[in-house]
PDB file of N, CA and C in Angstrom:
ATOM      1  N   MET A   1     -27.054  61.502  57.781  1.00  0.00           N
ATOM      2  CA  MET A   1     -27.767  61.212  59.265  1.00  0.00           C
ATOM      3  C   MET A   1     -28.572  59.514  59.258  1.00  0.00           C
ATOM      4  N   LEU A   2     -27.991  59.354  58.125  1.00  0.00           N
ATOM      5  CA  LEU A   2     -27.843  57.746  57.133  1.00  0.00           C
ATOM      6  C   LEU A   2     -26.592  57.293  58.332  1.00  0.00           C
ATOM      7  N   ALA A   3     -25.219  58.101  57.683  1.00  0.00           N
ATOM      8  CA  ALA A   3     -24.333  57.790  57.870  1.00  0.00           C
ATOM      9  C   ALA A   3     -24.039  57.593  60.045  1.00  0.00           C
ATOM     10  N   THR A   4     -24.160  58.466  59.925  1.00  0.00           N
ATOM     11  CA  THR A   4     -24.416  58.860  61.674  1.00  0.00           C
ATOM     12  C   THR A   4     -24.978  58.251  62.277  1.00  0.00           C
ATOM     13  N   MET A   5     -27.061  57.133  62.294  1.00  0.00           N
ATOM     14  CA  MET A   5     -26.543  55.770  62.531  1.00  0.00           C
ATOM     15  C   MET A   5     -26.324  54.552  61.976  1.00  0.00           C
ATOM     16  N   LYS A   6     -25.359  54.067  61.462  1.00  0.00           N
ATOM     17  CA  LYS A   6     -25.347  53.157  61.215  1.00  0.00           C
ATOM     18  C   LYS A   6     -23.866  53.182  62.184  1.00  0.00           C
ATOM     19  N   SER A   7     -22.383  54.428  62.199  1.00  0.00           N
ATOM     20  CA  SER A   7     -22.063  54.340  62.964  1.00  0.00           C
ATOM     21  C   SER A   7     -22.322  54.317  64.372  1.00  0.00           C
ATOM     22  N   ILE A   8     -23.826  54.969  64.739  1.00  0.00           N
ATOM     23  CA  ILE A   8     -24.131  54.205  66.113  1.00  0.00           C
ATOM     24  C   ILE A   8     -24.642  53.156  66.188  1.00  0.00           C
ATOM     25  N   TRP A   9     -24.931  52.376  65.770  1.00  0.00           N
ATOM     26  CA  TRP A   9     -25.254  50.875  65.576  1.00  0.00           C
ATOM     27  C   TRP A   9     -24.425  49.545  65.408  1.00  0.00           C
ATOM     28  N   ARG A  10     -23.331  50.427  64.571  1.00  0.00           N
ATOM     29  CA  ARG A  10     -22.042  49.391  65.057  1.00  0.00           C
ATOM     30  C   ARG A  10     -21.537  49.305  66.005  1.00  0.00           C
ATOM     31  N   GLY A  11     -21.334  50.288  66.631  1.00  0.00           N
ATOM     32  CA  GLY A  11     -20.668  50.774  67.886  1.00  0.00           C
ATOM     33  C   GLY A  11     -21.921  49.520  68.834  1.00  0.00           C
ATOM     34  N   TRP A  12     -23.039  50.456  68.581  1.00  0.00           N
ATOM     35  CA  TRP A  12     -23.494  49.163  69.896  1.00  0.00           C
ATOM     36  C   TRP A  12     -23.450  48.088  70.198  1.00  0.00           C
ATOM     37  N   LYS A  13     -23.264  47.303  68.111  1.00  0.00           N
ATOM     38  CA  LYS A  13     -23.671  45.933  68.481  1.00  0.00           C
ATOM     39  C   LYS A  13     -21.335  45.218  68.742  1.00  0.00           C
ATOM     40  N   LYS A  14     -21.293  46.391  69.185  1.00  0.00           N
ATOM     41  CA  LYS A  14     -19.699  45.997  69.428  1.00  0.00           C
ATOM     42  C   LYS A  14     -19.924  46.107  71.499  1.00  0.00           C
ATOM     43  N   VAL A  15     -20.646  47.139  71.458  1.00  0.00           N
ATOM     44  CA  VAL A  15     -20.517  47.478  72.639  1.00  0.00           C
ATOM     45  C   VAL A  15     -21.886  45.483  73.337  1.00  0.00           C
ATOM     46  N   ALA A  16     -22.912  45.838  72.685  1.00  0.00           N
ATOM     47  CA  ALA A  16     -23.790  44.786  72.700  1.00  0.00           C
ATOM     48  C   ALA A  16     -23.318  43.236  72.734  1.00  0.00           C
ATOM     49  N   HIS A  17     -22.007  43.275  72.424  1.00  0.00           N
ATOM     50  CA  HIS A  17     -21.347  42.307  71.674  1.00  0.00           C
ATOM     51  C   HIS A  17     -20.813  40.915  73.760  1.00  0.00           C
ATOM     52  N   LYS A  18     -20.071  42.791  73.854  1.00  0.00           N
ATOM     53  CA  LYS A  18     -19.251  42.268  75.299  1.00  0.00           C
ATOM     54  C   LYS A  18     -19.491  42.180  76.002  1.00  0.00           C
ATOM     55  N   ILE A  19     -21.324  42.664  75.865  1.00  0.00           N
ATOM     56  CA  ILE A  19     -22.094  42.283  77.983  1.00  0.00           C
ATOM     57  C   ILE A  19     -22.879  41.390  77.246  1.00  0.00           C
ATOM     58  N   ILE A  20     -23.194  41.281  75.708  1.00  0.00           N
ATOM     59  CA  ILE A  20     -23.854  39.476  75.810  1.00  0.00           C
ATOM     60  C   ILE A  20     -22.355  38.517  76.560  1.00  0.00           C
ATOM     61  N   SER A  21     -21.281  39.094  75.741  1.00  0.00           N
ATOM     62  CA  SER A  21     -19.647  37.415  76.274  1.00  0.00           C
ATOM     63  C   SER A  21     -20.024  37.639  78.329  1.00  0.00           C
ATOM     64  N   ALA A  22     -20.117  38.882  78.284  1.00  0.00           N
ATOM     65  CA  ALA A  22     -20.230  38.112  79.811  1.00  0.00           C
ATOM     66  C   ALA A  22     -20.239  37.683  81.153  1.00  0.00           C
ATOM     67  N   GLN A  23     -22.295  38.279  80.369  1.00  0.00           N
ATOM     68  CA  GLN A  23     -23.278  37.595  80.496  1.00  0.00           C
ATOM     69  C   GLN A  23     -22.962  35.359  80.342  1.00  0.00           C
ATOM     70  N   ASN A  24     -22.988  35.224  79.153  1.00  0.00           N
ATOM     71  CA  ASN A  24     -22.187  34.661  79.013  1.00  0.00           C
ATOM     72  C   ASN A  24     -21.783  33.818  79.694  1.00  0.00           C
ATOM     73  N   PHE A  25     -20.585  33.743  80.397  1.00  0.00           N
ATOM     74  CA  PHE A  25     -19.598  33.822  80.889  1.00  0.00           C
ATOM     75  C   PHE A  25     -19.987  33.271  82.966  1.00  0.00           C
ATOM     76  N   VAL A  26     -20.668  34.863  83.045  1.00  0.00           N
ATOM     77  CA  VAL A  26     -21.400  34.609  84.351  1.00  0.00           C
ATOM     78  C   VAL A  26     -22.474  33.462  84.251  1.00  0.00           C
ATOM     79  N   LEU A  27     -23.592  33.567  83.292  1.00  0.00           N
ATOM     80  CA  LEU A  27     -24.597  31.820  82.925  1.00  0.00           C
ATOM     81  C   LEU A  27     -23.800  30.829  83.446  1.00  0.00           C
ATOM     82  N   MET A  28     -22.524  30.656  82.495  1.00  0.00           N
ATOM     83  CA  MET A  28     -22.441  29.134  82.381  1.00  0.00           C
ATOM     84  C   MET A  28     -21.433  28.937  83.804  1.00  0.00           C
ATOM     85  N   SER A  29     -21.101  30.159  83.890  1.00  0.00           N
ATOM     86  CA  SER A  29     -19.861  29.091  85.294  1.00  0.00           C
ATOM     87  C   SER A  29     -21.168  29.327  86.840  1.00  0.00           C
ATOM     88  N   GLY A  30     -21.788  29.490  86.381  1.00  0.00           N
ATOM     89  CA  GLY A  30     -23.261  29.699  87.201  1.00  0.00           C
ATOM     90  C   GLY A  30     -24.060  28.214  87.045  1.00  0.00           C
ATOM     91  N   VAL A  31     -24.119  28.633  86.311  1.00  0.00           N
ATOM     92  CA  VAL A  31     -24.514  26.287  85.915  1.00  0.00           C
ATOM     93  C   VAL A  31     -23.979  25.660  86.134  1.00  0.00           C
ATOM     94  N   TYR A  32     -22.400  25.356  85.600  1.00  0.00           N
ATOM     95  CA  TYR A  32     -20.879  25.083  86.068  1.00  0.00           C
ATOM     96  C   TYR A  32     -21.170  24.338  87.765  1.00  0.00           C
ATOM     97  N   TRP A  33     -20.800  25.378  88.651  1.00  0.00           N
ATOM     98  CA  TRP A  33     -20.495  25.446  90.048  1.00  0.00           C
ATOM     99  C   TRP A  33     -21.894  25.142  90.989  1.00  0.00           C
ATOM    100  N   LEU A  34     -23.356  25.005  90.100  1.00  0.00           N
ATOM    101  CA  LEU A  34     -23.739  24.680  90.793  1.00  0.00           C
ATOM    102  C   LEU A  34     -24.827  23.101  90.363  1.00  0.00           C
ATOM    103  N   ALA A  35     -24.643  23.133  89.182  1.00  0.00           N
ATOM    104  CA  ALA A  35     -25.697  21.621  88.872  1.00  0.00           C
ATOM    105  C   ALA A  35     -24.086  20.195  88.590  1.00  0.00           C
ATOM    106  N   VAL A  36     -22.715  21.130  87.466  1.00  0.00           N
ATOM    107  CA  VAL A  36     -22.516  19.786  87.951  1.00  0.00           C
ATOM    108  C   VAL A  36     -21.047  19.623  88.491  1.00  0.00           C
ATOM    109  N   ALA A  37     -20.357  20.747  88.622  1.00  0.00           N
ATOM    110  CA  ALA A  37     -19.859  20.518  90.273  1.00  0.00           C
ATOM    111  C   ALA A  37     -20.307  19.528  91.134  1.00  0.00           C
ATOM    112  N   PRO A  38     -21.681  20.005  92.191  1.00  0.00           N
ATOM    113  CA  PRO A  38     -22.103  18.939  92.979  1.00  0.00           C
ATOM    114  C   PRO A  38     -21.568  17.568  92.512  1.00  0.00           C
ATOM    115  N   VAL A  39     -23.055  17.422  91.794  1.00  0.00           N
ATOM    116  CA  VAL A  39     -22.983  16.235  90.991  1.00  0.00           C
ATOM    117  C   VAL A  39     -21.284  15.251  91.020  1.00  0.00           C
ATOM    118  N   ALA A  40     -20.070  15.841  90.484  1.00  0.00           N
ATOM    119  CA  ALA A  40     -19.411  15.082  90.304  1.00  0.00           C
ATOM    120  C   ALA A  40     -18.568  15.115  91.519  1.00  0.00           C
ATOM    121  N   ILE A  41     -19.028  15.686  92.484  1.00  0.00           N
ATOM    122  CA  ILE A  41     -17.999  15.067  93.452  1.00  0.00           C
ATOM    123  C   ILE A  41     -18.377  15.118  94.263  1.00  0.00           C
ATOM    124  N   ALA A  42     -19.548  14.429  94.266  1.00  0.00           N
ATOM    125  CA  ALA A  42     -21.184  13.204  95.362  1.00  0.00           C
ATOM    126  C   ALA A  42     -21.095  12.266  94.464  1.00  0.00           C
ATOM    127  N   MET A  43     -20.019  12.536  93.076  1.00  0.00           N
ATOM    128  CA  MET A  43     -19.874  10.940  92.977  1.00  0.00           C
ATOM    129  C   MET A  43     -18.371  10.483  92.338  1.00  0.00           C
ATOM    130  N   LYS A  44     -18.130  11.405  93.230  1.00  0.00           N
ATOM    131  CA  LYS A  44     -16.376  11.008  93.472  1.00  0.00           C
ATOM    132  C   LYS A  44     -16.048  10.523  94.451  1.00  0.00           C
ATOM    133  N   LEU A  45     -17.226  11.126  95.901  1.00  0.00           N
ATOM    134  CA  LEU A  45     -17.157  10.673  97.137  1.00  0.00           C
ATOM    135  C   LEU A  45     -17.822   9.181  97.388  1.00  0.00           C
ATOM    136  N   ILE A  46     -18.457   8.677  96.391  1.00  0.00           N
ATOM    137  CA  ILE A  46     -20.004   7.562  96.599  1.00  0.00           C
ATOM    138  C   ILE A  46     -18.756   6.409  95.622  1.00  0.00           C
ATOM    139  N   ARG A  47     -17.732   7.285  95.042  1.00  0.00           N
ATOM    140  CA  ARG A  47     -17.345   5.956  93.982  1.00  0.00           C
ATOM    141  C   ARG A  47     -17.348   5.609  93.175  1.00  0.00           C
ATOM    142  N   PHE A  48     -18.237   6.163  92.739  1.00  0.00           N
ATOM    143  CA  PHE A  48     -19.456   5.953  91.707  1.00  0.00           C
ATOM    144  C   PHE A  48     -18.908   5.693  90.478  1.00  0.00           C
ATOM    145  N   LYS A  49     -18.506   4.767  89.164  1.00  0.00           N
ATOM    146  CA  LYS A  49     -18.059   4.814  88.321  1.00  0.00           C
ATOM    147  C   LYS A  49     -19.265   4.720  87.281  1.00  0.00           C
ATOM    148  N   LEU A  50     -18.931   5.613  85.845  1.00  0.00           N
ATOM    149  CA  LEU A  50     -20.129   6.058  85.489  1.00  0.00           C
ATOM    150  C   LEU A  50     -19.673   5.019  83.950  1.00  0.00           C
ATOM    151  N   ILE A  51     -18.120   4.007  83.511  1.00  0.00           N
ATOM    152  CA  ILE A  51     -17.697   3.521  82.990  1.00  0.00           C
ATOM    153  C   ILE A  51     -17.409   2.540  83.488  1.00  0.00           C
ATOM    154  N   HIS A  52     -18.356   1.306  83.129  1.00  0.00           N
ATOM    155  CA  HIS A  52     -18.130  -0.041  84.073  1.00  0.00           C
ATOM    156  C   HIS A  52     -17.151  -0.868  83.430  1.00  0.00           C
ATOM    157  N   THR A  53     -15.864  -1.150  84.214  1.00  0.00           N
ATOM    158  CA  THR A  53     -14.840  -1.892  83.472  1.00  0.00           C
ATOM    159  C   THR A  53     -14.777  -3.365  84.137  1.00  0.00           C
ATOM    160  N   PRO A  54     -14.300  -3.974  83.696  1.00  0.00           N
ATOM    161  CA  PRO A  54     -14.348  -5.422  84.750  1.00  0.00           C
ATOM    162  C   PRO A  54     -12.684  -5.790  84.880  1.00  0.00           C
ATOM    163  N   GLU A  55     -12.949  -6.811  85.582  1.00  0.00           N
ATOM    164  CA  GLU A  55     -11.906  -6.457  86.791  1.00  0.00           C
ATOM    165  C   GLU A  55     -10.775  -7.584  85.120  1.00  0.00           C
ATOM    166  N   VAL A  56      -9.745  -7.356  85.283  1.00  0.00           N
ATOM    167  CA  VAL A  56      -8.444  -8.045  84.781  1.00  0.00           C
ATOM    168  C   VAL A  56      -8.157  -9.195  84.856  1.00  0.00           C
ATOM    169  N   SER A  57      -8.742 -10.714  84.584  1.00  0.00           N
ATOM    170  CA  SER A  57      -7.764 -11.777  85.217  1.00  0.00           C
ATOM    171  C   SER A  57      -6.399 -11.864  85.569  1.00  0.00           C
ATOM    172  N   GLU A  58      -6.308 -12.856  86.525  1.00  0.00           N
ATOM    173  CA  GLU A  58      -5.221 -12.911  86.849  1.00  0.00           C
ATOM    174  C   GLU A  58      -3.819 -13.067  85.993  1.00  0.00           C
ATOM    175  N   GLY A  59      -2.602 -12.687  85.754  1.00  0.00           N
ATOM    176  CA  GLY A  59      -2.281 -12.846  84.458  1.00  0.00           C
ATOM    177  C   GLY A  59      -2.240 -12.236  83.347  1.00  0.00           C
ATOM    178  N   GLU A  60      -3.674 -11.972  82.403  1.00  0.00           N
ATOM    179  CA  GLU A  60      -4.219 -11.063  81.486  1.00  0.00           C
ATOM    180  C   GLU A  60      -3.724  -9.852  81.958  1.00  0.00           C
ATOM    181  N   SER A  61      -3.061  -9.007  80.561  1.00  0.00           N
ATOM    182  CA  SER A  61      -2.793  -7.934  80.756  1.00  0.00           C
ATOM    183  C   SER A  61      -4.063  -6.536  79.917  1.00  0.00           C
ATOM    184  N   SER A  62      -5.235  -7.073  78.982  1.00  0.00           N
ATOM    185  CA  SER A  62      -6.580  -6.190  79.257  1.00  0.00           C
ATOM    186  C   SER A  62      -7.900  -7.699  78.925  1.00  0.00           C
ATOM    187  N   TYR A  63      -8.787  -6.376  78.680  1.00  0.00           N
ATOM    188  CA  TYR A  63     -10.425  -7.008  78.509  1.00  0.00           C
ATOM    189  C   TYR A  63     -10.313  -7.486  77.918  1.00  0.00           C
ATOM    190  N   TRP A  64     -10.070  -8.259  77.207  1.00  0.00           N
ATOM    191  CA  TRP A  64     -10.188  -8.966  75.084  1.00  0.00           C
ATOM    192  C   TRP A  64     -10.995 -10.281  75.583  1.00  0.00           C
ATOM    193  N   GLU A  65     -12.127 -10.280  74.610  1.00  0.00           N
ATOM    194  CA  GLU A  65     -12.445 -11.642  75.242  1.00  0.00           C
ATOM    195  C   GLU A  65     -12.557 -11.725  73.402  1.00  0.00           C
ATOM    196  N   THR A  66     -12.097 -13.449  73.057  1.00  0.00           N
ATOM    197  CA  THR A  66     -11.930 -13.998  72.125  1.00  0.00           C
ATOM    198  C   THR A  66     -13.071 -14.718  72.041  1.00  0.00           C
ATOM    199  N   LYS A  67     -13.866 -14.466  70.507  1.00  0.00           N
ATOM    200  CA  LYS A  67     -14.510 -14.977  70.059  1.00  0.00           C
ATOM    201  C   LYS A  67     -15.204 -16.206  69.758  1.00  0.00           C
ATOM    202  N   SER A  68     -15.659 -17.042  70.173  1.00  0.00           N
ATOM    203  CA  SER A  68     -15.496 -18.532  69.039  1.00  0.00           C
ATOM    204  C   SER A  68     -16.696 -17.910  67.980  1.00  0.00           C
ATOM    205  N   GLY A  69     -16.217 -19.120  67.104  1.00  0.00           N
ATOM    206  CA  GLY A  69     -17.177 -19.111  65.862  1.00  0.00           C
ATOM    207  C   GLY A  69     -16.608 -18.197  65.000  1.00  0.00           C
ATOM    208  N   THR A  70     -16.679 -18.043  63.923  1.00  0.00           N
ATOM    209  CA  THR A  70     -17.153 -17.302  62.363  1.00  0.00           C
ATOM    210  C   THR A  70     -18.268 -16.624  61.769  1.00  0.00           C
ATOM    211  N   MET A  71     -18.722 -16.172  61.409  1.00  0.00           N
ATOM    212  CA  MET A  71     -18.984 -14.755  60.597  1.00  0.00           C
ATOM    213  C   MET A  71     -19.418 -15.565  58.980  1.00  0.00           C
ATOM    214  N   SER A  72     -20.533 -16.070  58.457  1.00  0.00           N
ATOM    215  CA  SER A  72     -20.823 -15.621  57.692  1.00  0.00           C
ATOM    216  C   SER A  72     -20.602 -14.783  56.645  1.00  0.00           C
ATOM    217  N   MET A  73     -20.611 -14.630  55.979  1.00  0.00           N
ATOM    218  CA  MET A  73     -20.290 -12.940  54.087  1.00  0.00           C
ATOM    219  C   MET A  73     -21.793 -12.391  54.579  1.00  0.00           C
ATOM    220  N   GLU A  74     -23.035 -13.792  54.515  1.00  0.00           N
ATOM    221  CA  GLU A  74     -23.967 -12.830  54.600  1.00  0.00           C
ATOM    222  C   GLU A  74     -24.435 -12.169  55.761  1.00  0.00           C
ATOM    223  N   ARG A  75     -24.126 -13.466  56.694  1.00  0.00           N
ATOM    224  CA  ARG A  75     -24.373 -11.977  58.290  1.00  0.00           C
ATOM    225  C   ARG A  75     -23.607 -10.749  58.339  1.00  0.00           C
ATOM    226  N   ALA A  76     -22.943 -11.234  57.792  1.00  0.00           N
ATOM    227  CA  ALA A  76     -21.145  -9.791  58.280  1.00  0.00           C
ATOM    228  C   ALA A  76     -22.440  -8.244  56.944  1.00  0.00           C
ATOM    229  N   GLN A  77     -22.759  -8.606  56.173  1.00  0.00           N
ATOM    230  CA  GLN A  77     -23.519  -7.965  55.848  1.00  0.00           C
ATOM    231  C   GLN A  77     -24.902  -7.509  56.197  1.00  0.00           C
ATOM    232  N   ARG A  78     -25.561  -7.974  56.686  1.00  0.00           N
ATOM    233  CA  ARG A  78     -27.040  -7.481  57.435  1.00  0.00           C
ATOM    234  C   ARG A  78     -26.635  -8.058  58.787  1.00  0.00           C
ATOM    235  N   MET A  79     -26.130  -6.881  59.502  1.00  0.00           N
ATOM    236  CA  MET A  79     -25.824  -6.778  60.887  1.00  0.00           C
ATOM    237  C   MET A  79     -26.899  -6.094  61.655  1.00  0.00           C
ATOM    238  N   PHE A  80     -27.715  -6.145  61.458  1.00  0.00           N
ATOM    239  CA  PHE A  80     -29.065  -6.408  61.858  1.00  0.00           C
ATOM    240  C   PHE A  80     -30.288  -6.733  61.393  1.00  0.00           C
TER     241      PHE A  80
END
């Protein structure tokens, strides 16, 4: 009797796992298409940038800015 119940339980777990996997796929797809995709499309249409990148000056090839002055060892050890 116990062996039969264990085999039924193992079978049910396999079936339940497949059901949960399908449910998860449907739920996550719904969240994406109802929440994430419209926001992304709207931001693309209004050309909103999440990351601000400054314009590169004429004749320069990067955004790097040189820092003037030096830092003492005590200041470097206590950054905050």
